[in-house]
Amino acid sequence: MTNVIVLNDHVAKAWEAYTAAQQLAATTGKLEDGIAAGRAWRRWLALFMNEEQKAFLGGKRASA
């Protein structure tokens, strides 16, 4: 059961990081804040991707 709690905590922290970055970007309107929010979004999505998807988005094709 501990692994589930740790995973949920990790997902929640990643989501909180994204929402904070997104809110900052919306408030400041600065390009660099928008880029940081996009990176936080990507980190959150990566929690739900398989290795092939991560490799594809990272510019590396998984070997067939």
Protein backbone atom coordinates (compact mmCIF):
# COMPACT_ATOMS: atom_id res chain seq x y z
CA MET A 1 0.00 0.00 0.00
CA THR A 2 2.92 2.33 0.62
CA ASN A 3 3.85 2.32 -3.09
CA VAL A 4 0.37 3.54 -4.03
CA ILE A 5 0.57 6.40 -1.55
CA VAL A 6 4.03 7.40 -2.80
CA LEU A 7 2.86 7.29 -6.43
CA ASN A 8 -0.23 9.36 -5.65
CA ASP A 9 1.93 11.87 -3.77
CA HIS A 10 4.32 12.09 -6.74
CA VAL A 11 1.45 12.64 -9.19
CA ALA A 12 -0.13 15.25 -6.91
CA LYS A 13 3.14 17.15 -6.55
CA ALA A 14 3.69 17.15 -10.33
CA TRP A 15 0.14 18.44 -10.86
CA GLU A 16 0.61 21.17 -8.25
CA ALA A 17 3.88 22.22 -9.90
CA TYR A 18 2.12 22.48 -13.27
CA THR A 19 -0.86 24.46 -11.96
CA ALA A 20 1.42 26.88 -10.10
CA ALA A 21 3.57 27.40 -13.20
CA GLN A 22 0.49 27.84 -15.40
CA GLN A 23 -1.03 30.39 -13.03
CA LEU A 24 2.24 32.32 -12.90
CA ALA A 25 2.41 32.37 -16.70
CA ALA A 26 -1.18 33.58 -16.93
CA THR A 27 -0.46 36.31 -14.39
CA THR A 28 2.82 37.60 -15.80
CA GLY A 29 2.26 36.90 -19.48
CA LYS A 30 6.01 36.33 -19.79
CA LEU A 31 7.24 33.93 -22.45
CA GLU A 32 9.72 32.28 -20.11
CA ASP A 33 6.96 31.60 -17.59
CA GLY A 34 4.88 30.02 -20.35
CA ILE A 35 7.81 27.82 -21.36
CA ALA A 36 8.27 26.76 -17.73
CA ALA A 37 4.55 25.89 -17.54
CA GLY A 38 4.85 23.83 -20.72
CA ARG A 39 7.78 21.94 -19.27
CA ALA A 40 5.86 21.28 -16.07
CA TRP A 41 2.94 19.99 -18.15
CA ARG A 42 5.28 17.67 -20.05
CA ARG A 43 6.69 16.30 -16.77
CA TRP A 44 3.17 15.62 -15.52
CA LEU A 45 2.14 13.87 -18.74
CA ALA A 46 5.30 11.77 -18.70
CA LEU A 47 4.03 10.09 -15.54
CA PHE A 48 1.35 8.41 -17.67
CA MET A 49 3.39 7.56 -20.80
CA ASN A 50 4.98 4.28 -21.70
CA GLU A 51 8.66 4.17 -22.70
CA GLU A 52 7.90 4.23 -26.44
CA GLN A 53 5.84 7.40 -26.08
CA LYS A 54 8.56 9.06 -24.01
CA ALA A 55 11.20 8.12 -26.60
CA PHE A 56 9.05 9.50 -29.41
CA LEU A 57 8.52 12.83 -27.70
CA GLY A 58 12.18 12.95 -26.74
CA GLY A 59 13.15 12.75 -30.40
CA LYS A 60 14.34 9.16 -30.15
CA ARG A 61 12.52 6.41 -31.95
CA ALA A 62 12.14 3.18 -30.04
CA SER A 63 13.85 0.30 -31.80
CA ALA A 64 11.46 -2.06 -33.55
